[in-house]
């Protein structure tokens, strides 16, 4: 997370999220927090497709992966 400006209490905060990358078993999601047209924070989350029953990361099913790829910016 990078903080680039101060957020003020009481004013609306707009959260912008976009998909940056889709891998075999993960995806990178970019987030930004804006207030009064000023970028206040940005960060990235890496989300792993996880099989809890097997206790390990697993490949994203191809149909889901293709649908996610349509949204990569």
N, C-alpha and C. Protein backbone atom coordinates (compact mmCIF):
# COMPACT_ATOMS: atom_id res chain seq x y z
N UNK A 1 0.85 -1.17 0.00
CA UNK A 1 0.00 0.00 0.00
C UNK A 1 0.89 1.23 0.00
N UNK A 2 0.61 2.15 -0.89
CA UNK A 2 1.30 3.43 -0.93
C UNK A 2 0.30 4.52 -0.60
N UNK A 3 0.63 5.32 0.38
CA UNK A 3 -0.22 6.45 0.75
C UNK A 3 0.34 7.70 0.10
N UNK A 4 -0.50 8.40 -0.67
CA UNK A 4 -0.02 9.54 -1.45
C UNK A 4 -0.63 10.86 -1.02
N UNK A 5 -1.69 10.82 -0.23
CA UNK A 5 -2.33 12.04 0.26
C UNK A 5 -3.18 11.68 1.48
N UNK A 6 -3.57 12.70 2.21
CA UNK A 6 -4.38 12.51 3.41
C UNK A 6 -5.85 12.41 3.04
N UNK A 7 -6.55 11.46 3.66
CA UNK A 7 -8.01 11.37 3.53
C UNK A 7 -8.64 12.14 4.68
N UNK A 8 -9.68 12.89 4.38
CA UNK A 8 -10.36 13.73 5.38
C UNK A 8 -11.64 13.05 5.84
N UNK A 9 -11.84 13.00 7.14
CA UNK A 9 -13.05 12.45 7.71
C UNK A 9 -14.27 13.26 7.26
N UNK A 10 -15.33 12.55 6.90
CA UNK A 10 -16.58 13.21 6.54
C UNK A 10 -16.79 13.42 5.05
N UNK A 11 -15.74 13.27 4.26
CA UNK A 11 -15.87 13.40 2.80
C UNK A 11 -15.91 12.01 2.18
N UNK A 12 -16.64 11.88 1.09
CA UNK A 12 -16.73 10.58 0.40
C UNK A 12 -15.37 10.13 -0.11
N UNK A 13 -15.16 8.82 -0.09
CA UNK A 13 -13.96 8.20 -0.65
C UNK A 13 -14.40 7.25 -1.75
N UNK A 14 -13.82 7.39 -2.92
CA UNK A 14 -14.12 6.51 -4.05
C UNK A 14 -13.02 5.46 -4.14
N UNK A 15 -13.41 4.18 -4.14
CA UNK A 15 -12.47 3.08 -4.28
C UNK A 15 -12.55 2.56 -5.71
N UNK A 16 -11.41 2.56 -6.39
CA UNK A 16 -11.34 2.05 -7.77
C UNK A 16 -10.52 0.76 -7.74
N UNK A 17 -11.03 -0.26 -8.39
CA UNK A 17 -10.39 -1.57 -8.41
C UNK A 17 -10.34 -2.07 -9.84
N UNK A 18 -9.19 -2.61 -10.24
CA UNK A 18 -9.10 -3.21 -11.57
C UNK A 18 -8.22 -4.45 -11.51
N UNK A 19 -8.47 -5.32 -12.44
CA UNK A 19 -7.71 -6.55 -12.57
C UNK A 19 -6.50 -6.28 -13.46
N UNK A 20 -5.29 -6.50 -12.93
CA UNK A 20 -4.07 -6.22 -13.68
C UNK A 20 -3.52 -7.43 -14.42
N UNK A 21 -3.62 -8.60 -13.81
CA UNK A 21 -2.99 -9.79 -14.38
C UNK A 21 -3.72 -11.03 -13.89
N UNK A 22 -3.85 -12.01 -14.77
CA UNK A 22 -4.40 -13.31 -14.40
C UNK A 22 -3.35 -14.34 -14.75
N UNK A 23 -2.90 -15.07 -13.75
CA UNK A 23 -1.91 -16.12 -13.96
C UNK A 23 -2.57 -17.48 -13.98
N UNK A 24 -1.78 -18.51 -13.81
CA UNK A 24 -2.28 -19.88 -13.81
C UNK A 24 -3.12 -20.17 -12.57
N UNK A 25 -2.66 -19.70 -11.42
CA UNK A 25 -3.38 -19.97 -10.18
C UNK A 25 -3.59 -18.71 -9.33
N UNK A 26 -3.33 -17.55 -9.90
CA UNK A 26 -3.47 -16.31 -9.13
C UNK A 26 -3.90 -15.16 -10.02
N UNK A 27 -4.30 -14.07 -9.37
CA UNK A 27 -4.60 -12.84 -10.10
C UNK A 27 -4.13 -11.65 -9.26
N UNK A 28 -3.73 -10.59 -9.95
CA UNK A 28 -3.26 -9.37 -9.31
C UNK A 28 -4.35 -8.32 -9.45
N UNK A 29 -4.77 -7.74 -8.33
CA UNK A 29 -5.83 -6.76 -8.31
C UNK A 29 -5.27 -5.44 -7.79
N UNK A 30 -5.45 -4.37 -8.56
CA UNK A 30 -4.96 -3.03 -8.20
C UNK A 30 -6.11 -2.24 -7.58
N UNK A 31 -5.82 -1.53 -6.49
CA UNK A 31 -6.83 -0.73 -5.79
C UNK A 31 -6.34 0.70 -5.63
N UNK A 32 -7.25 1.65 -5.72
CA UNK A 32 -6.94 3.05 -5.46
C UNK A 32 -8.04 3.67 -4.62
N UNK A 33 -7.67 4.59 -3.73
CA UNK A 33 -8.62 5.36 -2.93
C UNK A 33 -8.50 6.83 -3.35
N UNK A 34 -9.60 7.43 -3.78
CA UNK A 34 -9.64 8.81 -4.26
C UNK A 34 -10.60 9.61 -3.39
N UNK A 35 -10.23 10.86 -3.14
CA UNK A 35 -11.12 11.78 -2.44
C UNK A 35 -10.96 13.17 -3.05
N UNK A 36 -12.08 13.76 -3.45
CA UNK A 36 -12.06 15.08 -4.08
C UNK A 36 -11.09 15.14 -5.27
N UNK A 37 -11.12 14.10 -6.11
CA UNK A 37 -10.28 13.99 -7.31
C UNK A 37 -8.78 13.93 -7.01
N UNK A 38 -8.42 13.51 -5.80
CA UNK A 38 -7.01 13.35 -5.41
C UNK A 38 -6.77 11.89 -5.04
N UNK A 39 -5.75 11.29 -5.65
CA UNK A 39 -5.37 9.93 -5.31
C UNK A 39 -4.73 9.93 -3.92
N UNK A 40 -5.34 9.22 -2.99
CA UNK A 40 -4.85 9.21 -1.61
C UNK A 40 -4.10 7.93 -1.25
N UNK A 41 -4.41 6.83 -1.93
CA UNK A 41 -3.73 5.57 -1.62
C UNK A 41 -3.88 4.62 -2.80
N UNK A 42 -2.89 3.76 -2.96
CA UNK A 42 -2.97 2.71 -3.98
C UNK A 42 -2.25 1.48 -3.46
N UNK A 43 -2.70 0.34 -3.94
CA UNK A 43 -2.08 -0.91 -3.50
C UNK A 43 -2.45 -2.05 -4.42
N UNK A 44 -1.86 -3.19 -4.15
CA UNK A 44 -2.10 -4.37 -4.97
C UNK A 44 -2.34 -5.57 -4.06
N UNK A 45 -3.28 -6.40 -4.47
CA UNK A 45 -3.54 -7.65 -3.77
C UNK A 45 -3.31 -8.79 -4.76
N UNK A 46 -2.66 -9.83 -4.30
CA UNK A 46 -2.50 -11.04 -5.11
C UNK A 46 -3.41 -12.09 -4.49
N UNK A 47 -4.35 -12.57 -5.28
CA UNK A 47 -5.34 -13.53 -4.82
C UNK A 47 -5.01 -14.89 -5.43
N UNK A 48 -4.90 -15.88 -4.59
CA UNK A 48 -4.55 -17.24 -5.02
C UNK A 48 -5.80 -18.10 -5.07
N UNK A 49 -5.96 -18.83 -6.16
CA UNK A 49 -7.06 -19.81 -6.26
C UNK A 49 -6.65 -21.01 -5.41
N UNK A 50 -7.39 -21.27 -4.35
CA UNK A 50 -6.96 -22.24 -3.33
C UNK A 50 -8.00 -23.33 -3.15
N UNK A 51 -7.54 -24.55 -3.09
CA UNK A 51 -8.40 -25.71 -2.83
C UNK A 51 -8.25 -26.04 -1.34
N UNK A 52 -9.23 -25.65 -0.54
CA UNK A 52 -9.16 -25.85 0.90
C UNK A 52 -9.20 -27.33 1.27
N UNK A 53 -9.92 -28.14 0.50
CA UNK A 53 -9.99 -29.58 0.79
C UNK A 53 -8.63 -30.23 0.61
N UNK A 54 -7.90 -29.82 -0.43
CA UNK A 54 -6.58 -30.39 -0.69
C UNK A 54 -5.48 -29.66 0.07
N UNK A 55 -5.79 -28.44 0.55
CA UNK A 55 -4.81 -27.67 1.30
C UNK A 55 -3.70 -27.09 0.45
N UNK A 56 -4.02 -26.71 -0.81
CA UNK A 56 -2.98 -26.16 -1.68
C UNK A 56 -3.57 -25.28 -2.78
N UNK A 57 -2.71 -24.44 -3.36
CA UNK A 57 -3.11 -23.64 -4.51
C UNK A 57 -3.40 -24.56 -5.68
N UNK A 58 -4.33 -24.13 -6.53
CA UNK A 58 -4.68 -24.94 -7.70
C UNK A 58 -4.93 -24.01 -8.88
N UNK A 59 -4.85 -24.54 -10.06
CA UNK A 59 -5.06 -23.74 -11.27
C UNK A 59 -6.48 -23.19 -11.32
N UNK A 60 -6.60 -21.97 -11.84
CA UNK A 60 -7.91 -21.38 -12.08
C UNK A 60 -8.54 -22.15 -13.24
N UNK A 61 -9.78 -22.63 -13.10
CA UNK A 61 -10.41 -23.34 -14.23
C UNK A 61 -10.40 -22.46 -15.48
N UNK A 62 -10.17 -23.07 -16.62
CA UNK A 62 -9.98 -22.33 -17.87
C UNK A 62 -11.15 -21.43 -18.22
N UNK A 63 -12.38 -21.86 -18.00
CA UNK A 63 -13.53 -21.02 -18.34
C UNK A 63 -13.57 -19.76 -17.45
N UNK A 64 -13.23 -19.91 -16.20
CA UNK A 64 -13.18 -18.76 -15.29
C UNK A 64 -12.00 -17.87 -15.65
N UNK A 65 -10.87 -18.47 -15.95
CA UNK A 65 -9.67 -17.70 -16.33
C UNK A 65 -9.96 -16.85 -17.57
N UNK A 66 -10.61 -17.42 -18.57
CA UNK A 66 -10.93 -16.68 -19.78
C UNK A 66 -11.89 -15.52 -19.48
N UNK A 67 -12.86 -15.76 -18.63
CA UNK A 67 -13.80 -14.69 -18.25
C UNK A 67 -13.07 -13.58 -17.51
N UNK A 68 -12.12 -13.93 -16.64
CA UNK A 68 -11.33 -12.91 -15.92
C UNK A 68 -10.46 -12.12 -16.89
N UNK A 69 -9.86 -12.79 -17.86
CA UNK A 69 -8.97 -12.11 -18.82
C UNK A 69 -9.69 -11.00 -19.59
N UNK A 70 -11.00 -11.13 -19.76
CA UNK A 70 -11.77 -10.09 -20.45
C UNK A 70 -11.77 -8.77 -19.69
N UNK A 71 -11.40 -8.80 -18.41
CA UNK A 71 -11.45 -7.61 -17.56
C UNK A 71 -10.07 -7.06 -17.20
N UNK A 72 -9.02 -7.65 -17.73
CA UNK A 72 -7.67 -7.16 -17.44
C UNK A 72 -7.47 -5.79 -18.09
N UNK A 73 -6.93 -4.86 -17.31
CA UNK A 73 -6.68 -3.50 -17.84
C UNK A 73 -5.21 -3.23 -17.88
